[in-house]
N, C-alpha and C. Protein backbone atom coordinates (compact mmCIF):
# COMPACT_ATOMS: atom_id res chain seq x y z
N MET A 1 -26.85 -60.78 -93.71
CA MET A 1 -25.77 -59.84 -93.49
C MET A 1 -26.36 -58.44 -93.49
N PRO A 2 -26.06 -57.62 -92.47
CA PRO A 2 -26.63 -56.27 -92.43
C PRO A 2 -26.05 -55.40 -93.53
N GLN A 3 -26.92 -54.57 -94.08
CA GLN A 3 -26.46 -53.64 -95.11
C GLN A 3 -26.04 -52.34 -94.46
N THR A 4 -24.96 -51.78 -94.95
CA THR A 4 -24.52 -50.49 -94.42
C THR A 4 -25.20 -49.38 -95.20
N GLN A 5 -25.59 -48.36 -94.48
CA GLN A 5 -26.22 -47.22 -95.11
C GLN A 5 -25.15 -46.37 -95.79
N PRO A 6 -25.43 -45.89 -97.00
CA PRO A 6 -24.45 -45.02 -97.64
C PRO A 6 -24.30 -43.73 -96.85
N LYS A 7 -23.08 -43.25 -96.77
CA LYS A 7 -22.81 -42.00 -96.05
C LYS A 7 -23.42 -40.84 -96.81
N GLU A 8 -23.99 -39.92 -96.06
CA GLU A 8 -24.55 -38.73 -96.69
C GLU A 8 -23.42 -37.83 -97.17
N ALA A 9 -23.64 -37.22 -98.30
CA ALA A 9 -22.66 -36.26 -98.80
C ALA A 9 -22.72 -35.01 -97.93
N VAL A 10 -21.59 -34.42 -97.69
CA VAL A 10 -21.51 -33.19 -96.92
C VAL A 10 -20.94 -32.09 -97.80
N SER A 11 -21.24 -30.87 -97.44
CA SER A 11 -20.75 -29.73 -98.22
C SER A 11 -19.38 -29.30 -97.75
N ILE A 12 -18.56 -28.90 -98.69
CA ILE A 12 -17.28 -28.27 -98.42
C ILE A 12 -17.30 -26.96 -99.19
N ASN A 13 -17.31 -25.87 -98.49
CA ASN A 13 -17.41 -24.56 -99.15
C ASN A 13 -16.09 -23.81 -99.04
N ILE A 14 -15.65 -23.24 -100.15
CA ILE A 14 -14.43 -22.43 -100.14
C ILE A 14 -14.65 -21.19 -101.00
N ARG A 15 -13.88 -20.19 -100.72
CA ARG A 15 -13.91 -18.97 -101.53
C ARG A 15 -12.66 -18.97 -102.40
N ALA A 16 -12.83 -18.52 -103.62
CA ALA A 16 -11.70 -18.45 -104.55
C ALA A 16 -11.80 -17.16 -105.35
N LYS A 17 -10.68 -16.74 -105.87
CA LYS A 17 -10.66 -15.60 -106.77
C LYS A 17 -11.16 -16.07 -108.13
N ALA A 18 -11.69 -15.15 -108.90
CA ALA A 18 -12.22 -15.50 -110.23
C ALA A 18 -11.15 -16.16 -111.09
N LYS A 19 -9.93 -15.67 -110.99
CA LYS A 19 -8.83 -16.23 -111.77
C LYS A 19 -8.57 -17.69 -111.39
N GLN A 20 -8.64 -17.99 -110.09
CA GLN A 20 -8.44 -19.36 -109.62
C GLN A 20 -9.58 -20.26 -110.11
N ARG A 21 -10.81 -19.76 -109.99
CA ARG A 21 -11.96 -20.53 -110.45
C ARG A 21 -11.86 -20.84 -111.94
N ASP A 22 -11.47 -19.83 -112.71
CA ASP A 22 -11.35 -20.01 -114.15
C ASP A 22 -10.29 -21.05 -114.50
N LEU A 23 -9.19 -21.01 -113.80
CA LEU A 23 -8.12 -21.99 -114.02
C LEU A 23 -8.62 -23.41 -113.71
N ILE A 24 -9.29 -23.55 -112.58
CA ILE A 24 -9.84 -24.85 -112.19
C ILE A 24 -10.87 -25.33 -113.21
N ASP A 25 -11.74 -24.43 -113.64
CA ASP A 25 -12.75 -24.79 -114.64
C ASP A 25 -12.12 -25.24 -115.94
N GLN A 26 -11.07 -24.55 -116.35
CA GLN A 26 -10.39 -24.90 -117.60
C GLN A 26 -9.80 -26.32 -117.51
N ALA A 27 -9.15 -26.60 -116.40
CA ALA A 27 -8.55 -27.93 -116.22
C ALA A 27 -9.63 -29.01 -116.12
N ALA A 28 -10.69 -28.73 -115.37
CA ALA A 28 -11.78 -29.70 -115.23
C ALA A 28 -12.42 -30.00 -116.58
N THR A 29 -12.62 -28.96 -117.37
CA THR A 29 -13.22 -29.13 -118.70
C THR A 29 -12.34 -30.01 -119.58
N ARG A 30 -11.05 -29.78 -119.53
CA ARG A 30 -10.12 -30.59 -120.34
C ARG A 30 -10.21 -32.07 -119.99
N LEU A 31 -10.51 -32.35 -118.72
CA LEU A 31 -10.61 -33.74 -118.29
C LEU A 31 -12.04 -34.28 -118.36
N GLY A 32 -12.97 -33.42 -118.77
CA GLY A 32 -14.36 -33.85 -118.87
C GLY A 32 -15.02 -34.06 -117.52
N ARG A 33 -14.61 -33.30 -116.54
CA ARG A 33 -15.15 -33.43 -115.18
C ARG A 33 -15.82 -32.13 -114.76
N SER A 34 -16.64 -32.25 -113.75
CA SER A 34 -17.24 -31.04 -113.18
C SER A 34 -16.20 -30.36 -112.29
N ARG A 35 -16.44 -29.11 -112.00
CA ARG A 35 -15.53 -28.37 -111.11
C ARG A 35 -15.45 -29.08 -109.76
N SER A 36 -16.59 -29.47 -109.22
CA SER A 36 -16.61 -30.13 -107.90
C SER A 36 -15.82 -31.43 -107.91
N ASP A 37 -16.05 -32.26 -108.93
CA ASP A 37 -15.33 -33.53 -109.01
C ASP A 37 -13.83 -33.30 -109.14
N PHE A 38 -13.46 -32.36 -109.98
CA PHE A 38 -12.04 -32.05 -110.19
C PHE A 38 -11.39 -31.57 -108.89
N MET A 39 -12.04 -30.64 -108.21
CA MET A 39 -11.48 -30.08 -106.98
C MET A 39 -11.40 -31.12 -105.88
N LEU A 40 -12.44 -31.93 -105.75
CA LEU A 40 -12.44 -32.94 -104.70
C LEU A 40 -11.35 -33.98 -104.94
N GLU A 41 -11.21 -34.41 -106.19
CA GLU A 41 -10.16 -35.38 -106.52
C GLU A 41 -8.77 -34.80 -106.26
N ALA A 42 -8.56 -33.55 -106.68
CA ALA A 42 -7.25 -32.91 -106.48
C ALA A 42 -6.96 -32.73 -104.99
N ALA A 43 -7.96 -32.32 -104.22
CA ALA A 43 -7.76 -32.11 -102.79
C ALA A 43 -7.48 -33.43 -102.08
N CYS A 44 -8.20 -34.48 -102.44
CA CYS A 44 -7.98 -35.79 -101.82
C CYS A 44 -6.61 -36.34 -102.17
N ARG A 45 -6.19 -36.17 -103.41
CA ARG A 45 -4.87 -36.64 -103.83
C ARG A 45 -3.78 -35.91 -103.03
N GLU A 46 -3.92 -34.62 -102.86
CA GLU A 46 -2.94 -33.84 -102.09
C GLU A 46 -2.95 -34.27 -100.62
N ALA A 47 -4.14 -34.49 -100.06
CA ALA A 47 -4.24 -34.92 -98.67
C ALA A 47 -3.56 -36.27 -98.46
N GLU A 48 -3.77 -37.20 -99.38
CA GLU A 48 -3.11 -38.50 -99.28
C GLU A 48 -1.60 -38.36 -99.37
N ASP A 49 -1.13 -37.50 -100.26
CA ASP A 49 0.32 -37.28 -100.38
C ASP A 49 0.91 -36.73 -99.09
N VAL A 50 0.23 -35.77 -98.49
CA VAL A 50 0.71 -35.17 -97.24
C VAL A 50 0.79 -36.24 -96.15
N LEU A 51 -0.27 -37.03 -96.02
CA LEU A 51 -0.29 -38.05 -94.97
C LEU A 51 0.73 -39.15 -95.23
N LEU A 52 0.87 -39.57 -96.47
CA LEU A 52 1.85 -40.61 -96.78
C LEU A 52 3.28 -40.11 -96.60
N ASP A 53 3.52 -38.84 -96.89
CA ASP A 53 4.86 -38.28 -96.70
C ASP A 53 5.28 -38.33 -95.25
N GLN A 54 4.31 -38.33 -94.34
CA GLN A 54 4.62 -38.37 -92.92
C GLN A 54 4.65 -39.79 -92.37
N ALA A 55 4.15 -40.75 -93.14
CA ALA A 55 4.05 -42.11 -92.62
C ALA A 55 4.83 -43.13 -93.45
N PHE A 56 5.22 -42.80 -94.65
CA PHE A 56 5.83 -43.78 -95.55
C PHE A 56 7.03 -43.14 -96.23
N PHE A 57 8.11 -43.87 -96.29
CA PHE A 57 9.24 -43.41 -97.07
C PHE A 57 9.90 -44.60 -97.74
N SER A 58 10.46 -44.37 -98.89
CA SER A 58 11.04 -45.44 -99.69
C SER A 58 12.55 -45.28 -99.73
N VAL A 59 13.25 -46.36 -99.39
CA VAL A 59 14.71 -46.36 -99.42
C VAL A 59 15.20 -47.68 -100.02
N ASP A 60 16.45 -47.69 -100.44
CA ASP A 60 17.01 -48.93 -100.97
C ASP A 60 17.28 -49.91 -99.82
N ALA A 61 17.56 -51.16 -100.16
CA ALA A 61 17.72 -52.22 -99.16
C ALA A 61 18.85 -51.93 -98.17
N GLY A 62 19.97 -51.39 -98.66
CA GLY A 62 21.10 -51.09 -97.78
C GLY A 62 20.77 -50.03 -96.76
N THR A 63 20.12 -48.97 -97.20
CA THR A 63 19.72 -47.90 -96.29
C THR A 63 18.72 -48.41 -95.27
N PHE A 64 17.78 -49.25 -95.72
CA PHE A 64 16.79 -49.79 -94.80
C PHE A 64 17.46 -50.68 -93.75
N ALA A 65 18.44 -51.46 -94.15
CA ALA A 65 19.15 -52.33 -93.20
C ALA A 65 19.86 -51.49 -92.13
N LYS A 66 20.49 -50.39 -92.55
CA LYS A 66 21.15 -49.50 -91.58
C LYS A 66 20.12 -48.88 -90.64
N PHE A 67 18.99 -48.46 -91.20
CA PHE A 67 17.92 -47.87 -90.40
C PHE A 67 17.41 -48.88 -89.38
N GLN A 68 17.19 -50.11 -89.83
CA GLN A 68 16.69 -51.15 -88.94
C GLN A 68 17.71 -51.45 -87.83
N ALA A 69 18.99 -51.45 -88.17
CA ALA A 69 20.03 -51.70 -87.17
C ALA A 69 20.02 -50.60 -86.11
N LEU A 70 19.81 -49.37 -86.52
CA LEU A 70 19.72 -48.27 -85.56
C LEU A 70 18.52 -48.44 -84.64
N LEU A 71 17.41 -48.87 -85.20
CA LEU A 71 16.21 -49.09 -84.37
C LEU A 71 16.40 -50.23 -83.38
N ASP A 72 17.19 -51.22 -83.76
CA ASP A 72 17.41 -52.39 -82.91
C ASP A 72 18.40 -52.12 -81.77
N GLN A 73 19.17 -51.06 -81.86
CA GLN A 73 20.14 -50.75 -80.81
C GLN A 73 19.41 -50.22 -79.58
N PRO A 74 19.85 -50.65 -78.41
CA PRO A 74 19.21 -50.11 -77.20
C PRO A 74 19.55 -48.63 -77.02
N LEU A 75 18.65 -47.93 -76.40
CA LEU A 75 18.90 -46.52 -76.12
C LEU A 75 20.00 -46.39 -75.08
N PRO A 76 20.82 -45.36 -75.17
CA PRO A 76 21.84 -45.17 -74.13
C PRO A 76 21.14 -44.82 -72.81
N PRO A 77 21.61 -45.39 -71.71
CA PRO A 77 20.95 -45.12 -70.43
C PRO A 77 21.14 -43.66 -70.02
N THR A 78 20.04 -43.03 -69.70
CA THR A 78 20.07 -41.65 -69.20
C THR A 78 19.16 -41.56 -67.99
N ASP A 79 19.34 -40.52 -67.20
CA ASP A 79 18.47 -40.34 -66.03
C ASP A 79 17.01 -40.22 -66.46
N LYS A 80 16.79 -39.50 -67.54
CA LYS A 80 15.41 -39.31 -68.01
C LYS A 80 14.78 -40.65 -68.39
N LEU A 81 15.54 -41.51 -69.08
CA LEU A 81 15.03 -42.82 -69.47
C LEU A 81 14.78 -43.68 -68.23
N ARG A 82 15.69 -43.64 -67.26
CA ARG A 82 15.51 -44.43 -66.03
C ARG A 82 14.23 -44.00 -65.31
N ARG A 83 14.00 -42.69 -65.21
CA ARG A 83 12.78 -42.19 -64.56
C ARG A 83 11.54 -42.66 -65.32
N LEU A 84 11.61 -42.59 -66.62
CA LEU A 84 10.48 -43.01 -67.43
C LEU A 84 10.16 -44.48 -67.22
N LEU A 85 11.18 -45.32 -67.19
CA LEU A 85 10.97 -46.75 -67.03
C LEU A 85 10.48 -47.11 -65.63
N LYS A 86 10.78 -46.28 -64.64
CA LYS A 86 10.31 -46.54 -63.27
C LYS A 86 8.90 -46.01 -63.03
N THR A 87 8.43 -45.15 -63.91
CA THR A 87 7.10 -44.56 -63.75
C THR A 87 6.02 -45.59 -64.04
N LYS A 88 5.02 -45.66 -63.17
CA LYS A 88 3.92 -46.59 -63.39
C LYS A 88 3.03 -46.06 -64.51
N ALA A 89 2.49 -46.98 -65.27
CA ALA A 89 1.53 -46.61 -66.31
C ALA A 89 0.25 -46.11 -65.65
N PRO A 90 -0.50 -45.24 -66.30
CA PRO A 90 -1.73 -44.70 -65.70
C PRO A 90 -2.69 -45.78 -65.22
N TRP A 91 -2.75 -46.91 -65.92
CA TRP A 91 -3.68 -47.96 -65.51
C TRP A 91 -3.15 -48.80 -64.35
N GLU A 92 -1.89 -48.59 -63.96
CA GLU A 92 -1.31 -49.31 -62.83
C GLU A 92 -1.42 -48.53 -61.53
N LYS A 93 -1.83 -47.29 -61.60
CA LYS A 93 -1.88 -46.45 -60.39
C LYS A 93 -3.10 -46.74 -59.56
């Protein structure tokens, strides 16, 4: 089985005010982490939250059933939809 090479670490450089750096250092110290580890973990956690907020949402079963019913309904026929459905796909041209 081929072994995968570990990815090289890359630099992420940012500028911060002394007050911001001190706050980050204080929090990192409390958790026993380095500034870099603390910042990277916090940034990744925030990035995941942002992406999940756009791709995942949690609702109760009743709300989900209503949502699913709306998705299952056909779109109302419009001229724009008719034109779209008559248009050939790029690979069919």
